[in-house]
Amino acid sequence: MPPRGFTLVEVLVAVTIIAIAAGVTAVAWHGDPRIDAGREARRFAGALEYAAARAQWRRETLAVQVDGHGWRFLHRVDPAQWTTIIDDDTLAPRALPEPLSILPVQYAGQPVETGALIPLHASGRNEPFSFVVADGASRLAVTADPLNRVAVAPLP
């Protein structure tokens, strides 16, 4: 009857495979901040385009607000009251993963403070605006023109 069990080589191969898989998982789990910044900037750009289109389709006034750590979209209930949109997955509030940040830069050619509401009108005629998504080492501009075309571009 031959001996039972695993050889040392078989055990070492199994341990090596597990170590490689753990290394790949660790890199994927933590991610590269530059890749994360690009992904979040594109996600935000897509949400902006969708919000502008939704404002036109539903004939409603929406707004976007960023606070440095994330963004949220709001719906105008009456001239003095805004409500955060929570029933739409694309426009639901989004918190950015660390170390990413997002800040408003300008609206209609003027500087904008963090927390200001940037409106998206039902008419579809919106003023140009821009935001910056940063990871500490790199910065990406998210800009929208009056035709609601949103672009993402690296900043120097």
Protein backbone atom coordinates (compact mmCIF):
# COMPACT_ATOMS: atom_id res chain seq x y z
CA MET A 1 0.00 0.00 0.00
CA PRO A 2 1.54 3.36 -1.04
CA PRO A 3 1.99 6.07 1.63
CA ARG A 4 -0.79 8.65 1.89
CA GLY A 5 -0.48 12.43 2.13
CA PHE A 6 1.00 15.32 0.20
CA THR A 7 4.58 15.84 -0.83
CA LEU A 8 6.48 18.94 0.21
CA VAL A 9 6.43 20.18 -3.39
CA GLU A 10 2.64 19.90 -3.57
CA VAL A 11 2.25 21.83 -0.32
CA LEU A 12 4.66 24.57 -1.52
CA VAL A 13 2.78 24.93 -4.83
CA ALA A 14 -0.53 25.32 -2.98
CA VAL A 15 0.95 27.91 -0.59
CA THR A 16 2.46 29.84 -3.53
CA ILE A 17 -0.88 29.95 -5.35
CA ILE A 18 -2.63 31.19 -2.21
CA ALA A 19 0.05 33.88 -1.68
CA ILE A 20 -0.28 35.14 -5.27
CA ALA A 21 -4.08 35.26 -4.99
CA ALA A 22 -3.82 37.16 -1.68
CA GLY A 23 -1.42 39.68 -3.23
CA VAL A 24 -3.71 40.33 -6.19
CA THR A 25 -6.69 40.69 -3.87
CA ALA A 26 -4.84 43.17 -1.64
CA VAL A 27 -3.92 45.36 -4.61
CA ALA A 28 -7.47 45.23 -5.99
CA TRP A 29 -8.98 45.92 -2.56
CA HIS A 30 -6.94 49.03 -1.81
CA GLY A 31 -6.78 50.24 -5.40
CA ASP A 32 -4.66 52.93 -6.95
CA PRO A 33 -5.84 56.45 -5.97
CA ARG A 34 -5.25 57.72 -9.53
CA ILE A 35 -7.44 54.99 -10.97
CA ASP A 36 -10.03 55.60 -8.25
CA ALA A 37 -10.02 59.36 -9.01
CA GLY A 38 -10.60 58.71 -12.71
CA ARG A 39 -13.40 56.26 -12.01
CA GLU A 40 -15.14 58.63 -9.57
CA ALA A 41 -14.72 61.62 -11.91
CA ARG A 42 -16.33 59.64 -14.75
CA ARG A 43 -19.10 58.44 -12.40
CA PHE A 44 -19.79 62.05 -11.37
CA ALA A 45 -19.71 63.22 -15.01
CA GLY A 46 -22.24 60.56 -15.96
CA ALA A 47 -24.49 61.53 -13.06
CA LEU A 48 -24.33 65.19 -14.14
CA GLU A 49 -25.33 64.33 -17.71
CA TYR A 50 -28.15 62.13 -16.47
CA ALA A 51 -29.38 64.82 -14.04
CA ALA A 52 -29.44 67.48 -16.78
CA ALA A 53 -31.40 65.13 -19.05
CA ARG A 54 -33.78 64.17 -16.22
CA ALA A 55 -34.43 67.85 -15.47
CA GLN A 56 -35.51 68.35 -19.09
CA TRP A 57 -37.55 65.14 -19.37
CA ARG A 58 -39.48 65.73 -16.16
CA ARG A 59 -39.57 69.54 -16.46
CA GLU A 60 -38.07 69.97 -13.00
CA THR A 61 -35.24 71.99 -11.54
CA LEU A 62 -32.45 69.95 -10.01
CA ALA A 63 -29.20 70.98 -8.37
CA VAL A 64 -25.90 69.36 -7.49
CA GLN A 65 -23.98 70.07 -4.30
CA VAL A 66 -20.49 68.92 -3.33
CA ASP A 67 -18.98 69.13 0.13
CA GLY A 68 -15.40 67.98 -0.41
CA HIS A 69 -16.11 64.36 0.53
CA GLY A 70 -18.86 63.56 -1.96
CA TRP A 71 -21.88 64.87 -3.80
CA ARG A 72 -25.63 64.88 -3.75
CA PHE A 73 -28.36 65.87 -6.16
CA LEU A 74 -31.39 67.82 -5.02
CA HIS A 75 -34.89 68.40 -6.37
CA ARG A 76 -36.63 71.75 -5.96
CA VAL A 77 -39.88 71.27 -4.06
CA ASP A 78 -40.85 74.95 -4.05
CA PRO A 79 -38.88 78.17 -4.62
CA ALA A 80 -37.38 78.05 -1.13
CA GLN A 81 -37.05 74.31 -0.44
CA TRP A 82 -34.78 71.61 -1.84
CA THR A 83 -34.95 67.88 -1.11
CA THR A 84 -32.13 65.38 -1.57
CA ILE A 85 -32.89 62.80 -4.26
CA ILE A 86 -32.69 59.34 -2.72
CA ASP A 87 -35.07 57.31 -4.93
CA ASP A 88 -32.77 57.27 -7.99
CA ASP A 89 -29.62 55.14 -7.80
CA THR A 90 -27.73 57.36 -10.27
CA LEU A 91 -28.51 60.56 -8.37
CA ALA A 92 -28.37 59.19 -4.82
CA PRO A 93 -25.82 60.85 -2.51
CA ARG A 94 -22.29 59.53 -3.00
CA ALA A 95 -19.39 59.62 -0.53
CA LEU A 96 -15.94 59.36 -2.10
CA PRO A 97 -13.45 56.81 -0.79
CA GLU A 98 -10.41 58.16 1.03
CA PRO A 99 -8.18 59.98 0.01
CA LEU A 100 -10.36 61.40 -2.80
CA SER A 101 -12.03 64.79 -2.61
CA ILE A 102 -14.30 66.84 -4.85
CA LEU A 103 -14.62 70.61 -4.87
CA PRO A 104 -16.57 73.10 -6.98
CA VAL A 105 -14.44 75.50 -9.02
CA GLN A 106 -16.74 77.78 -10.94
CA TYR A 107 -20.27 78.41 -12.12
CA ALA A 108 -21.05 80.86 -14.93
CA GLY A 109 -17.42 81.97 -14.91
CA GLN A 110 -17.46 82.88 -11.22
CA PRO A 111 -15.76 81.09 -8.30
CA VAL A 112 -18.02 78.84 -6.25
CA GLU A 113 -17.84 78.00 -2.57
CA THR A 114 -18.02 74.44 -1.27
CA GLY A 115 -21.64 73.53 -0.54
CA ALA A 116 -23.16 75.91 -3.09
CA LEU A 117 -26.04 74.58 -5.17
CA ILE A 118 -25.33 74.35 -8.91
CA PRO A 119 -28.72 74.38 -10.69
CA LEU A 120 -29.74 72.20 -13.61
CA HIS A 121 -32.73 73.85 -15.29
CA ALA A 122 -35.73 72.22 -16.95
CA SER A 123 -35.12 74.34 -20.05
CA GLY A 124 -31.78 72.60 -20.57
CA ARG A 125 -29.98 75.95 -20.78
CA ASN A 126 -27.46 75.74 -17.98
CA GLU A 127 -24.48 77.92 -17.24
CA PRO A 128 -21.06 76.30 -17.66
CA PHE A 129 -19.60 74.90 -14.45
CA SER A 130 -16.63 72.87 -13.27
CA PHE A 131 -15.49 70.70 -10.38
CA VAL A 132 -12.16 69.13 -9.40
CA VAL A 133 -11.76 65.54 -8.24
CA ALA A 134 -8.39 65.06 -6.52
CA ASP A 135 -6.48 62.26 -4.88
CA GLY A 136 -3.63 64.30 -3.43
CA ALA A 137 -1.17 63.62 -6.26
CA SER A 138 -3.36 64.18 -9.31
CA ARG A 139 -6.37 66.31 -10.14
CA LEU A 140 -9.13 65.84 -12.70
CA ALA A 141 -11.47 68.55 -13.96
CA VAL A 142 -15.13 67.70 -14.51
CA THR A 143 -16.59 70.45 -16.70
CA ALA A 144 -19.99 71.02 -18.29
CA ASP A 145 -20.79 73.41 -21.12
CA PRO A 146 -24.13 75.18 -21.82
CA LEU A 147 -25.22 72.23 -23.98
CA ASN A 148 -24.85 69.89 -20.98
CA ARG A 149 -21.86 68.08 -22.43
CA VAL A 150 -19.71 66.93 -19.55
CA ALA A 151 -15.99 66.19 -19.92
CA VAL A 152 -13.29 64.81 -17.65
CA ALA A 153 -9.70 65.99 -18.19
CA PRO A 154 -6.48 65.90 -16.14
CA LEU A 155 -5.24 69.15 -14.62
CA PRO A 156 -1.54 70.05 -14.45
